[in-house]
C-alpha cells in the first residue's frame, strides 16, 4: 500500500512528510580534553559530528546550526567533568548569544562527575545552538571537560516541528 506524503494530520496543517521529518536529529561531541582554569563561563569546543540524520541541521563553529523549515527543537547537553571535589559546575545551553537554560552539578567528593541540561525552544533558520560550562572555582590543575572519553561530552538537537 502506498500512502501520499501530503496527507494532512488533523487540522494542524502538518503533513505526513512533516511528521516523518520530525525524526531528524544531530549529535556533535568533543573528542579531546578542554581545560578552563577560571571560573568564567566558556563555550565548549565541540569538534566532531557523531551522528547526523538531518538535512537541515549542520555543524557550525562548535555548535549546531538550524536550517530551513524548523520551528521547534529539543537541545540536550551532556558533559563529563573533572573539578574540585567540594565545588560545583554549571551546564548551559545557548541559542546564538542568549542563554536558554542551565543545570547545576554539585560535586559530592569525587573529582569526576557528569551532568546534563535540556530545553525545548523555538528556533529560526540561521540560529546556532551551543553548549557552555562554568566551574564555580578557578583551579589550575582541574577544571576540564573530559572529551577524551568516547561519547562522554555531547550536544544534540532533535527537530520537533
C-alpha atoms as a PDB file:
ATOM      1  CA  UNK A   1       0.000   0.000   0.000  1.00  0.00           C
ATOM      2  CA  UNK A   2       1.319   3.453  -0.898  1.00  0.00           C
ATOM      3  CA  UNK A   3       0.460   6.458   1.298  1.00  0.00           C
ATOM      4  CA  UNK A   4       0.541  10.004  -0.008  1.00  0.00           C
ATOM      5  CA  UNK A   5       3.080  12.063   1.990  1.00  0.00           C
ATOM      6  CA  UNK A   6       0.913  15.195   1.532  1.00  0.00           C
ATOM      7  CA  UNK A   7      -1.889  13.805   3.710  1.00  0.00           C
ATOM      8  CA  UNK A   8      -2.619  16.298   6.484  1.00  0.00           C
ATOM      9  CA  UNK A   9      -2.733  15.213  10.110  1.00  0.00           C
ATOM     10  CA  UNK A  10      -5.869  16.664  11.699  1.00  0.00           C
ATOM     11  CA  UNK A  11      -6.398  20.417  11.494  1.00  0.00           C
ATOM     12  CA  UNK A  12      -2.789  21.206  12.388  1.00  0.00           C
ATOM     13  CA  UNK A  13      -1.610  21.753   8.817  1.00  0.00           C
ATOM     14  CA  UNK A  14       1.180  19.232   9.438  1.00  0.00           C
ATOM     15  CA  UNK A  15       1.576  16.716   6.630  1.00  0.00           C
ATOM     16  CA  UNK A  16       2.691  13.134   6.901  1.00  0.00           C
ATOM     17  CA  UNK A  17       6.006  14.257   5.390  1.00  0.00           C
ATOM     18  CA  UNK A  18       6.345  16.860   8.189  1.00  0.00           C
ATOM     19  CA  UNK A  19       5.704  14.209  10.827  1.00  0.00           C
ATOM     20  CA  UNK A  20       8.394  11.979   9.370  1.00  0.00           C
ATOM     21  CA  UNK A  21      10.777  14.944   9.189  1.00  0.00           C
ATOM     22  CA  UNK A  22      10.485  15.267  12.951  1.00  0.00           C
ATOM     23  CA  UNK A  23      12.793  12.278  13.270  1.00  0.00           C
ATOM     24  CA  UNK A  24      15.702  14.494  12.216  1.00  0.00           C
ATOM     25  CA  UNK A  25      18.493  14.860  14.749  1.00  0.00           C
ATOM     26  CA  UNK A  26      22.171  15.627  15.038  1.00  0.00           C
ATOM     27  CA  UNK A  27      24.716  14.930  17.760  1.00  0.00           C
ATOM     28  CA  UNK A  28      28.147  16.518  17.985  1.00  0.00           C
ATOM     29  CA  UNK A  29      30.781  15.680  20.546  1.00  0.00           C
ATOM     30  CA  UNK A  30      34.105  16.716  21.977  1.00  0.00           C
ATOM     31  CA  UNK A  31      36.793  14.105  21.364  1.00  0.00           C
ATOM     32  CA  UNK A  32      39.615  15.824  23.235  1.00  0.00           C
ATOM     33  CA  UNK A  33      40.188  17.467  26.596  1.00  0.00           C
ATOM     34  CA  UNK A  34      39.146  21.078  27.078  1.00  0.00           C
ATOM     35  CA  UNK A  35      40.593  22.805  30.149  1.00  0.00           C
ATOM     36  CA  UNK A  36      39.425  26.052  31.737  1.00  0.00           C
ATOM     37  CA  UNK A  37      41.319  27.274  34.802  1.00  0.00           C
ATOM     38  CA  UNK A  38      38.987  30.211  35.531  1.00  0.00           C
ATOM     39  CA  UNK A  39      35.500  30.483  36.980  1.00  0.00           C
ATOM     40  CA  UNK A  40      34.248  32.293  33.843  1.00  0.00           C
ATOM     41  CA  UNK A  41      31.638  30.762  31.588  1.00  0.00           C
ATOM     42  CA  UNK A  42      33.157  29.304  28.416  1.00  0.00           C
ATOM     43  CA  UNK A  43      31.961  27.738  25.184  1.00  0.00           C
ATOM     44  CA  UNK A  44      32.554  24.017  24.718  1.00  0.00           C
ATOM     45  CA  UNK A  45      34.667  23.469  21.611  1.00  0.00           C
ATOM     46  CA  UNK A  46      32.710  20.568  20.137  1.00  0.00           C
ATOM     47  CA  UNK A  47      34.777  19.335  17.222  1.00  0.00           C
ATOM     48  CA  UNK A  48      33.219  16.174  15.840  1.00  0.00           C
ATOM     49  CA  UNK A  49      29.930  15.227  14.185  1.00  0.00           C
ATOM     50  CA  UNK A  50      28.975  11.945  15.835  1.00  0.00           C
ATOM     51  CA  UNK A  51      25.510  11.281  14.380  1.00  0.00           C
ATOM     52  CA  UNK A  52      23.627  13.145  11.693  1.00  0.00           C
ATOM     53  CA  UNK A  53      20.208  12.167  10.456  1.00  0.00           C
ATOM     54  CA  UNK A  54      19.086  15.558   9.208  1.00  0.00           C
ATOM     55  CA  UNK A  55      19.096  17.633   6.055  1.00  0.00           C
ATOM     56  CA  UNK A  56      18.549  20.942   7.825  1.00  0.00           C
ATOM     57  CA  UNK A  57      20.975  20.727  10.751  1.00  0.00           C
ATOM     58  CA  UNK A  58      24.679  21.438  10.222  1.00  0.00           C
ATOM     59  CA  UNK A  59      27.865  21.599  12.291  1.00  0.00           C
ATOM     60  CA  UNK A  60      28.907  25.244  12.651  1.00  0.00           C
ATOM     61  CA  UNK A  61      31.507  26.915  14.897  1.00  0.00           C
ATOM     62  CA  UNK A  62      31.323  24.223  17.588  1.00  0.00           C
ATOM     63  CA  UNK A  63      27.514  24.205  17.595  1.00  0.00           C
ATOM     64  CA  UNK A  64      24.533  23.018  15.595  1.00  0.00           C
ATOM     65  CA  UNK A  65      23.087  25.421  13.039  1.00  0.00           C
ATOM     66  CA  UNK A  66      19.367  25.370  12.294  1.00  0.00           C
ATOM     67  CA  UNK A  67      18.304  25.192   8.664  1.00  0.00           C
ATOM     68  CA  UNK A  68      15.085  25.773   6.732  1.00  0.00           C
ATOM     69  CA  UNK A  69      11.606  24.819   7.888  1.00  0.00           C
ATOM     70  CA  UNK A  70      12.486  24.087  11.507  1.00  0.00           C
ATOM     71  CA  UNK A  71      10.463  25.860  14.207  1.00  0.00           C
ATOM     72  CA  UNK A  72      10.864  23.843  17.398  1.00  0.00           C
ATOM     73  CA  UNK A  73      13.708  21.664  18.696  1.00  0.00           C
ATOM     74  CA  UNK A  74      14.884  19.823  21.764  1.00  0.00           C
ATOM     75  CA  UNK A  75      18.522  20.541  22.658  1.00  0.00           C
ATOM     76  CA  UNK A  76      20.473  18.262  25.033  1.00  0.00           C
ATOM     77  CA  UNK A  77      23.897  18.852  26.582  1.00  0.00           C
ATOM     78  CA  UNK A  78      25.834  16.143  28.451  1.00  0.00           C
ATOM     79  CA  UNK A  79      29.317  16.681  29.884  1.00  0.00           C
ATOM     80  CA  UNK A  80      31.821  14.666  31.891  1.00  0.00           C
ATOM     81  CA  UNK A  81      33.907  16.956  34.100  1.00  0.00           C
ATOM     82  CA  UNK A  82      36.897  16.969  36.349  1.00  0.00           C
ATOM     83  CA  UNK A  83      36.564  19.618  39.045  1.00  0.00           C
ATOM     84  CA  UNK A  84      37.327  20.380  42.689  1.00  0.00           C
ATOM     85  CA  UNK A  85      35.689  17.754  44.896  1.00  0.00           C
ATOM     86  CA  UNK A  86      33.929  20.373  47.025  1.00  0.00           C
ATOM     87  CA  UNK A  87      32.701  22.588  44.208  1.00  0.00           C
ATOM     88  CA  UNK A  88      30.049  22.647  41.517  1.00  0.00           C
ATOM     89  CA  UNK A  89      29.800  23.224  37.788  1.00  0.00           C
ATOM     90  CA  UNK A  90      27.041  24.572  35.571  1.00  0.00           C
ATOM     91  CA  UNK A  91      25.965  23.296  32.156  1.00  0.00           C
ATOM     92  CA  UNK A  92      24.437  25.923  29.854  1.00  0.00           C
ATOM     93  CA  UNK A  93      22.602  25.726  26.538  1.00  0.00           C
ATOM     94  CA  UNK A  94      22.669  28.824  24.365  1.00  0.00           C
ATOM     95  CA  UNK A  95      20.840  29.867  21.214  1.00  0.00           C
ATOM     96  CA  UNK A  96      23.207  32.256  19.467  1.00  0.00           C
ATOM     97  CA  UNK A  97      24.432  34.570  22.269  1.00  0.00           C
ATOM     98  CA  UNK A  98      21.421  34.015  24.549  1.00  0.00           C
ATOM     99  CA  UNK A  99      21.268  31.552  27.417  1.00  0.00           C
ATOM    100  CA  UNK A 100      18.253  29.240  27.196  1.00  0.00           C
ATOM    101  CA  UNK A 101      18.718  27.085  30.282  1.00  0.00           C
ATOM    102  CA  UNK A 102      21.297  25.684  32.663  1.00  0.00           C
ATOM    103  CA  UNK A 103      21.703  22.962  35.217  1.00  0.00           C
ATOM    104  CA  UNK A 104      23.964  22.836  38.274  1.00  0.00           C
ATOM    105  CA  UNK A 105      26.037  19.817  39.159  1.00  0.00           C
ATOM    106  CA  UNK A 106      27.094  19.677  42.798  1.00  0.00           C
ATOM    107  CA  UNK A 107      30.160  17.530  43.243  1.00  0.00           C
ATOM    108  CA  UNK A 108      29.912  15.178  46.211  1.00  0.00           C
ATOM    109  CA  UNK A 109      33.533  14.447  46.988  1.00  0.00           C
ATOM    110  CA  UNK A 110      34.845  12.870  43.788  1.00  0.00           C
ATOM    111  CA  UNK A 111      36.751  14.897  41.223  1.00  0.00           C
ATOM    112  CA  UNK A 112      34.863  13.313  38.294  1.00  0.00           C
ATOM    113  CA  UNK A 113      31.200  13.974  37.656  1.00  0.00           C
ATOM    114  CA  UNK A 114      28.647  14.117  34.875  1.00  0.00           C
ATOM    115  CA  UNK A 115      25.723  16.365  34.271  1.00  0.00           C
ATOM    116  CA  UNK A 116      23.266  17.451  31.663  1.00  0.00           C
ATOM    117  CA  UNK A 117      20.759  20.080  30.643  1.00  0.00           C
ATOM    118  CA  UNK A 118      17.991  20.089  28.067  1.00  0.00           C
ATOM    119  CA  UNK A 119      15.452  22.522  26.695  1.00  0.00           C
ATOM    120  CA  UNK A 120      12.667  22.769  24.127  1.00  0.00           C
ATOM    121  CA  UNK A 121      12.970  26.006  22.189  1.00  0.00           C
ATOM    122  CA  UNK A 122      11.544  27.794  19.176  1.00  0.00           C
ATOM    123  CA  UNK A 123      14.146  28.472  16.502  1.00  0.00           C
ATOM    124  CA  UNK A 124      14.567  30.146  13.142  1.00  0.00           C
ATOM    125  CA  UNK A 125      16.794  29.416  10.188  1.00  0.00           C
ATOM    126  CA  UNK A 126      20.352  30.502  10.993  1.00  0.00           C
ATOM    127  CA  UNK A 127      20.115  30.095  14.772  1.00  0.00           C
ATOM    128  CA  UNK A 128      23.003  28.159  16.325  1.00  0.00           C
ATOM    129  CA  UNK A 129      22.737  26.006  19.452  1.00  0.00           C
ATOM    130  CA  UNK A 130      25.868  25.944  21.646  1.00  0.00           C
ATOM    131  CA  UNK A 131      26.975  24.271  24.867  1.00  0.00           C
ATOM    132  CA  UNK A 132      28.724  26.269  27.589  1.00  0.00           C
ATOM    133  CA  UNK A 133      30.100  25.383  31.027  1.00  0.00           C
ATOM    134  CA  UNK A 134      31.270  27.198  34.124  1.00  0.00           C
ATOM    135  CA  UNK A 135      33.242  25.948  37.098  1.00  0.00           C
ATOM    136  CA  UNK A 136      32.433  27.622  40.422  1.00  0.00           C
ATOM    137  CA  UNK A 137      36.093  27.722  41.490  1.00  0.00           C
ATOM    138  CA  UNK A 138      39.164  28.538  39.434  1.00  0.00           C
ATOM    139  CA  UNK A 139      41.748  25.756  39.515  1.00  0.00           C
ATOM    140  CA  UNK A 140      44.933  25.359  37.505  1.00  0.00           C
ATOM    141  CA  UNK A 141      45.106  21.592  37.915  1.00  0.00           C
ATOM    142  CA  UNK A 142      41.497  20.534  37.482  1.00  0.00           C
ATOM    143  CA  UNK A 143      38.518  22.137  35.734  1.00  0.00           C
ATOM    144  CA  UNK A 144      38.428  20.265  32.496  1.00  0.00           C
ATOM    145  CA  UNK A 145      35.862  18.810  30.167  1.00  0.00           C
ATOM    146  CA  UNK A 146      36.797  15.158  29.654  1.00  0.00           C
ATOM    147  CA  UNK A 147      36.158  14.886  25.943  1.00  0.00           C
ATOM    148  CA  UNK A 148      38.915  12.323  25.569  1.00  0.00           C
ATOM    149  CA  UNK A 149      36.496   9.602  26.786  1.00  0.00           C
ATOM    150  CA  UNK A 150      34.381   8.310  23.905  1.00  0.00           C
ATOM    151  CA  UNK A 151      30.937   9.885  23.682  1.00  0.00           C
ATOM    152  CA  UNK A 152      31.095  11.451  27.140  1.00  0.00           C
ATOM    153  CA  UNK A 153      30.578  15.080  26.047  1.00  0.00           C
ATOM    154  CA  UNK A 154      27.739  15.664  23.603  1.00  0.00           C
ATOM    155  CA  UNK A 155      25.414  18.336  22.257  1.00  0.00           C
ATOM    156  CA  UNK A 156      22.311  17.080  20.453  1.00  0.00           C
ATOM    157  CA  UNK A 157      19.438  18.691  18.591  1.00  0.00           C
ATOM    158  CA  UNK A 158      16.236  16.864  17.717  1.00  0.00           C
ATOM    159  CA  UNK A 159      13.732  18.508  15.399  1.00  0.00           C
ATOM    160  CA  UNK A 160      10.245  18.596  16.922  1.00  0.00           C
ATOM    161  CA  UNK A 161       8.478  20.756  14.332  1.00  0.00           C
END
